[in-house]
Amino acid sequence: MSVNFLEAISQIKDIKKMESTLPIARKVVNVVPLTVGDDLGLRTSITSPSGYDREIIKLLHKKVEFVQGETTYTEDYDKFCNEISNIDKITMLWALYKVTYETLGERKITCPKCKDNNDNPFVFRKEINILDLLHEDSLTLWEEELPFYEYIFPIKINYEDKIDFEFDTVIPSMSRYNQVLGMVSTGQLQQNLEKIGQVFTKPMQMSLLTKKIKLIINGEEIESSGLQEILIAFENHVPEIVSEKFYEEYNNKFNKYIPKFYDKVTCPNCGHQFNYDVDIELSFFRRTILSGESG
């Protein structure tokens, strides 16, 4: 009996799967490896930060199956975008990187202790295994009764006894993250990375985390849930002292959910032990778009 070639070769993807837990969505998924053609959509989308991010989401939707008991299923795309958090997206990228490549390759690492003590800091190379980056303290499961996409954490801040700010804050979904990313041009993204080392400016980051702002002035309530209005408010009108209190309360509530990927490293020069942090999204970008790792 002859077997159809394409039917036979399509089974390759099922040989190797990576099971992973999405901590915020509280779901278990299987992730299958990248194939040769998967990078084409990513490479043609890098003219736009939000376009590239959308291709990442589409890729993950294609590579992920959800596990429920003994069965597996695929999720509706819109539901996938709106009911899976951006934190879960990073976890899926880690699993996709792991199941495809196993390793980040050799990295050049500078010991922070040697760097402080020498004009010419000691640099060494170490192979970074993907599996070593995930630790028991790296992921915290969502603890609230409501799912994250329905959960609102209110932050109330009084300013100078004259204005009350009320912020409805959230853990952003993949969809919301992409919506805010759509406000960033490629040029601005490059400037942000060069100047502040991250994708979003502070006003953009706060807009990402805020679903609604309410002002109470002389007993009158005025509110907005428009993303553009919220961004303008953070950029031009919200006092810095208010933003500091905002982050303090938000981080106290949600910081435990931010995944931390790192390798435990020992400097061969001085014996100092430290954590070598890895940005999974940046590493994935380097590997799939730039065809290799640097640094």
Protein backbone atom coordinates (compact mmCIF):
# COMPACT_ATOMS: atom_id res chain seq x y z
CA MET A 1 0.00 0.00 0.00
CA SER A 2 1.41 3.38 -0.99
CA VAL A 3 1.32 6.18 1.54
CA ASN A 4 0.75 9.75 0.42
CA PHE A 5 4.06 11.57 0.83
CA LEU A 6 2.64 14.82 2.22
CA GLU A 7 0.42 12.95 4.66
CA ALA A 8 3.43 11.00 5.88
CA ILE A 9 5.76 13.97 6.25
CA SER A 10 3.07 16.06 7.98
CA GLN A 11 3.36 13.67 10.93
CA ILE A 12 6.90 14.89 11.66
CA LYS A 13 5.56 17.81 13.69
CA ASP A 14 3.97 15.35 16.15
CA ILE A 15 7.27 13.58 16.89
CA LYS A 16 8.55 16.38 19.09
CA LYS A 17 6.24 18.43 21.29
CA MET A 18 6.88 20.68 24.27
CA GLU A 19 4.28 20.80 27.03
CA SER A 20 4.08 24.12 28.80
CA THR A 21 1.81 25.88 31.29
CA LEU A 22 0.41 29.34 30.59
CA PRO A 23 0.49 30.83 34.10
CA ILE A 24 -2.00 33.67 33.66
CA ALA A 25 -4.51 31.85 31.44
CA ARG A 26 -4.01 28.76 33.64
CA LYS A 27 -4.00 26.47 30.62
CA VAL A 28 -1.71 23.67 29.47
CA VAL A 29 -0.48 23.67 25.86
CA ASN A 30 1.61 21.55 23.55
CA VAL A 31 4.01 23.46 21.30
CA VAL A 32 5.47 22.01 18.10
CA PRO A 33 8.76 23.14 16.47
CA LEU A 34 9.27 25.78 13.82
CA THR A 35 9.54 24.58 10.23
CA VAL A 36 11.66 25.96 7.40
CA GLY A 37 8.87 28.15 6.01
CA ASP A 38 7.77 29.71 9.27
CA ASP A 39 10.28 32.56 9.16
CA LEU A 40 8.95 33.97 5.86
CA GLY A 41 5.96 35.75 7.42
CA LEU A 42 8.14 37.07 10.23
CA ARG A 43 10.81 38.40 7.87
CA THR A 44 8.30 40.24 5.69
CA SER A 45 6.64 41.88 8.71
CA ILE A 46 9.59 43.67 10.31
CA THR A 47 8.72 47.00 8.64
CA SER A 48 6.19 47.47 11.45
CA PRO A 49 6.59 46.56 15.14
CA SER A 50 2.88 45.75 15.46
CA GLY A 51 2.97 43.82 12.18
CA TYR A 52 5.83 41.68 13.45
CA ASP A 53 4.00 41.11 16.73
CA ARG A 54 0.84 40.04 14.87
CA GLU A 55 2.89 37.52 12.90
CA ILE A 56 4.29 36.19 16.18
CA ILE A 57 0.74 35.75 17.51
CA LYS A 58 -0.35 34.02 14.28
CA LEU A 59 2.69 31.76 14.48
CA LEU A 60 1.94 30.81 18.08
CA HIS A 61 -1.71 30.14 17.20
CA LYS A 62 -0.46 27.78 14.50
CA LYS A 63 2.11 26.03 16.70
CA VAL A 64 0.07 25.65 19.90
CA GLU A 65 -2.61 23.12 20.82
CA PHE A 66 -4.46 23.29 24.11
CA VAL A 67 -4.60 20.27 26.39
CA GLN A 68 -7.71 19.33 28.36
CA GLY A 69 -7.49 15.99 30.09
CA GLU A 70 -6.69 13.37 27.46
CA THR A 71 -7.77 15.51 24.51
CA THR A 72 -6.31 18.47 22.65
CA TYR A 73 -8.01 21.32 20.82
CA THR A 74 -7.23 24.53 18.96
CA GLU A 75 -8.60 27.87 20.12
CA ASP A 76 -10.54 30.39 18.05
CA TYR A 77 -8.08 33.04 16.88
CA ASP A 78 -9.90 36.06 18.32
CA LYS A 79 -10.37 34.27 21.64
CA PHE A 80 -6.70 33.30 21.56
CA CYS A 81 -5.70 36.97 21.15
CA ASN A 82 -8.07 38.36 23.79
CA GLU A 83 -8.05 35.64 26.44
CA ILE A 84 -4.33 34.82 26.49
CA SER A 85 -2.11 37.35 28.24
CA ASN A 86 1.06 38.86 26.88
CA ILE A 87 2.87 37.19 29.79
CA ASP A 88 1.62 33.85 28.48
CA LYS A 89 2.88 34.83 25.02
CA ILE A 90 6.43 35.09 26.38
CA THR A 91 6.05 31.66 27.99
CA MET A 92 4.88 30.19 24.67
CA LEU A 93 7.86 31.78 22.90
CA TRP A 94 10.16 30.17 25.45
CA ALA A 95 8.56 26.77 24.75
CA LEU A 96 8.72 27.32 20.98
CA TYR A 97 12.40 28.28 21.23
CA LYS A 98 13.06 25.24 23.44
CA VAL A 99 11.30 22.69 21.23
CA THR A 100 12.96 24.07 18.07
CA TYR A 101 16.52 24.92 19.06
CA GLU A 102 17.22 23.56 22.59
CA THR A 103 19.97 26.14 23.12
CA LEU A 104 20.66 29.85 22.75
CA GLY A 105 24.19 28.95 21.69
CA GLU A 106 27.30 30.42 23.22
CA ARG A 107 26.95 33.84 24.78
CA LYS A 108 29.64 36.33 25.72
CA ILE A 109 29.18 37.07 29.41
CA THR A 110 30.81 39.77 31.52
CA CYS A 111 31.13 39.07 35.23
CA PRO A 112 29.62 42.01 37.16
CA LYS A 113 32.17 41.61 39.96
CA CYS A 114 35.19 41.55 37.64
CA LYS A 115 33.67 44.45 35.71
CA ASP A 116 33.56 46.55 38.88
CA ASN A 117 37.12 45.69 39.88
CA ASN A 118 38.95 45.95 36.58
CA ASP A 119 39.45 48.46 33.80
CA ASN A 120 39.38 45.54 31.38
CA PRO A 121 36.48 43.38 32.58
CA PHE A 122 36.81 39.61 32.27
CA VAL A 123 34.63 38.21 29.47
CA PHE A 124 33.94 34.51 29.06
CA ARG A 125 31.73 32.34 26.86
CA LYS A 126 29.08 29.91 28.03
CA GLU A 127 26.57 27.68 26.27
CA ILE A 128 23.06 28.68 27.38
CA ASN A 129 20.56 25.82 27.47
CA ILE A 130 16.94 26.95 27.06
CA LEU A 131 15.66 24.56 29.71
CA ASP A 132 18.06 26.03 32.28
CA LEU A 133 16.39 29.43 31.96
CA LEU A 134 13.13 28.37 33.57
CA HIS A 135 13.13 27.99 37.37
CA GLU A 136 10.48 27.20 39.94
CA ASP A 137 10.39 30.85 41.00
CA SER A 138 10.04 32.10 37.42
CA LEU A 139 6.33 31.53 36.92
CA THR A 140 3.45 32.23 39.29
CA LEU A 141 -0.03 30.92 38.50
CA TRP A 142 -2.88 33.42 38.36
CA GLU A 143 -4.46 33.55 41.83
CA GLU A 144 -7.68 35.55 41.35
CA GLU A 145 -11.13 33.97 40.99
CA LEU A 146 -11.95 35.94 37.84
CA PRO A 147 -9.94 35.20 34.67
CA PHE A 148 -7.32 37.88 34.01
CA TYR A 149 -9.24 39.38 31.05
CA GLU A 150 -12.17 40.16 33.35
CA TYR A 151 -10.11 41.26 36.33
CA ILE A 152 -9.70 44.95 37.15
CA PHE A 153 -7.30 46.19 39.82
CA PRO A 154 -8.29 49.72 40.93
CA ILE A 155 -5.58 52.19 41.91
CA LYS A 156 -6.72 55.38 43.65
CA ILE A 157 -4.33 58.30 44.11
CA ASN A 158 -5.03 61.74 45.57
CA TYR A 159 -3.01 64.63 44.20
CA GLU A 160 -2.50 67.74 46.33
CA ASP A 161 -5.89 67.25 48.01
CA LYS A 162 -7.48 68.63 44.85
CA ILE A 163 -7.77 65.79 42.33
CA ASP A 164 -8.50 62.10 42.81
CA PHE A 165 -7.13 59.81 40.13
CA GLU A 166 -8.78 56.39 39.76
CA PHE A 167 -7.04 53.97 37.40
CA ASP A 168 -8.62 50.67 36.33
CA THR A 169 -5.52 48.56 35.68
CA VAL A 170 -5.16 45.17 33.99
CA ILE A 171 -2.74 42.50 32.93
CA PRO A 172 -2.72 43.09 29.15
CA SER A 173 -3.85 40.47 26.69
CA MET A 174 -1.87 39.79 23.53
CA SER A 175 -4.48 41.84 21.66
CA ARG A 176 -4.07 44.91 23.90
CA TYR A 177 -0.29 44.71 23.74
CA ASN A 178 -0.48 44.69 19.94
CA GLN A 179 -2.91 47.62 19.99
CA VAL A 180 -0.48 49.76 21.99
CA LEU A 181 2.45 48.53 19.90
CA GLY A 182 0.61 49.86 16.86
CA MET A 183 1.29 53.36 18.21
CA VAL A 184 5.05 52.81 17.94
CA SER A 185 6.81 53.42 14.63
CA THR A 186 9.89 51.45 13.68
CA GLY A 187 12.01 54.58 14.15
CA GLN A 188 10.56 55.28 17.58
CA LEU A 189 11.03 51.65 18.57
CA GLN A 190 14.70 51.88 17.71
CA GLN A 191 15.03 55.14 19.67
CA ASN A 192 13.30 53.61 22.69
CA LEU A 193 15.59 50.58 22.65
CA GLU A 194 18.69 52.77 22.33
CA LYS A 195 17.70 55.37 24.95
CA ILE A 196 15.78 53.43 27.57
CA GLY A 197 16.43 49.79 26.67
CA GLN A 198 12.77 48.81 26.26
CA VAL A 199 10.01 48.86 23.66
CA PHE A 200 7.61 51.33 25.31
CA THR A 201 8.15 54.73 26.83
CA LYS A 202 6.77 55.19 30.33
CA PRO A 203 3.48 56.79 29.12
CA MET A 204 2.99 53.94 26.63
CA GLN A 205 3.69 51.34 29.29
CA MET A 206 1.17 52.94 31.65
CA SER A 207 -1.40 53.11 28.83
CA LEU A 208 -0.86 49.40 28.21
CA LEU A 209 -1.70 48.66 31.84
CA THR A 210 -4.66 51.06 32.17
CA LYS A 211 -8.14 50.27 30.89
CA LYS A 212 -9.82 53.43 32.22
CA ILE A 213 -8.92 56.69 33.98
CA LYS A 214 -11.38 58.58 36.14
CA LEU A 215 -10.77 62.08 37.50
CA ILE A 216 -12.72 63.46 40.44
CA ILE A 217 -12.44 67.26 40.61
CA ASN A 218 -14.61 69.25 43.02
CA GLY A 219 -16.97 66.29 43.25
CA GLU A 220 -17.37 66.03 39.48
CA GLU A 221 -16.36 62.74 37.82
CA ILE A 222 -14.80 62.69 34.35
CA GLU A 223 -13.50 59.49 32.78
CA SER A 224 -12.04 58.03 29.62
CA SER A 225 -11.37 54.54 28.35
CA GLY A 226 -10.09 55.64 24.95
CA LEU A 227 -6.56 54.38 24.44
CA GLN A 228 -5.40 57.49 22.58
CA GLU A 229 -6.84 59.82 25.25
CA ILE A 230 -5.24 57.73 28.00
CA LEU A 231 -1.86 57.92 26.26
CA ILE A 232 -2.12 61.70 25.82
CA ALA A 233 -3.07 62.03 29.49
CA PHE A 234 0.00 60.08 30.62
CA GLU A 235 2.30 61.91 28.21
CA ASN A 236 1.19 65.46 28.98
CA HIS A 237 -0.95 65.76 32.09
CA VAL A 238 -0.47 63.07 34.76
CA PRO A 239 2.11 64.32 37.33
CA GLU A 240 5.28 62.26 37.77
CA ILE A 241 4.59 61.75 41.47
CA VAL A 242 1.26 60.15 40.53
CA SER A 243 3.00 57.78 38.11
CA GLU A 244 5.44 56.71 40.83
CA LYS A 245 2.57 55.80 43.16
CA PHE A 246 0.81 54.08 40.24
CA TYR A 247 3.80 51.81 39.58
CA GLU A 248 4.32 51.12 43.26
CA GLU A 249 0.78 49.81 43.69
CA TYR A 250 0.67 48.03 40.33
CA ASN A 251 3.99 46.26 40.89
CA ASN A 252 3.03 45.26 44.43
CA LYS A 253 0.00 43.52 42.95
CA PHE A 254 1.27 42.07 39.67
CA ASN A 255 5.07 41.92 39.70
CA LYS A 256 5.06 38.33 40.94
CA TYR A 257 3.47 37.27 37.64
CA ILE A 258 6.27 38.64 35.42
CA PRO A 259 8.35 35.65 34.23
CA LYS A 260 12.08 35.81 34.87
CA PHE A 261 14.31 33.81 32.56
CA TYR A 262 17.92 33.47 33.64
CA ASP A 263 20.85 31.08 33.81
CA LYS A 264 22.80 30.63 37.02
CA VAL A 265 26.40 31.40 36.08
CA THR A 266 29.74 31.07 37.88
CA CYS A 267 32.58 33.30 36.70
CA PRO A 268 35.63 31.13 35.86
CA ASN A 269 37.91 34.05 36.74
CA CYS A 270 36.82 34.96 40.28
CA GLY A 271 34.21 32.34 41.18
CA HIS A 272 31.42 34.91 41.58
CA GLN A 273 27.95 33.42 41.10
CA PHE A 274 25.23 35.51 39.48
CA ASN A 275 22.11 35.32 37.32
CA TYR A 276 22.52 35.90 33.58
CA ASP A 277 19.17 37.36 32.46
CA VAL A 278 17.79 36.51 29.03
CA ASP A 279 15.14 38.44 27.08
CA ILE A 280 13.22 35.64 25.36
CA GLU A 281 11.48 37.91 22.82
CA LEU A 282 14.75 39.55 21.78
CA SER A 283 16.52 36.20 21.55
CA PHE A 284 13.71 34.82 19.40
CA PHE A 285 13.92 37.87 17.13
CA ARG A 286 17.68 37.49 16.74
CA ARG A 287 17.42 33.80 15.93
CA THR A 288 14.51 33.90 13.48
CA ILE A 289 15.04 37.29 11.81
CA LEU A 290 18.77 37.89 12.08
CA SER A 291 19.59 34.18 11.61
CA GLY A 292 21.71 33.89 14.71
CA GLU A 293 22.60 35.10 18.16
CA SER A 294 24.87 37.94 19.08
CA GLY A 295 26.32 38.94 22.39
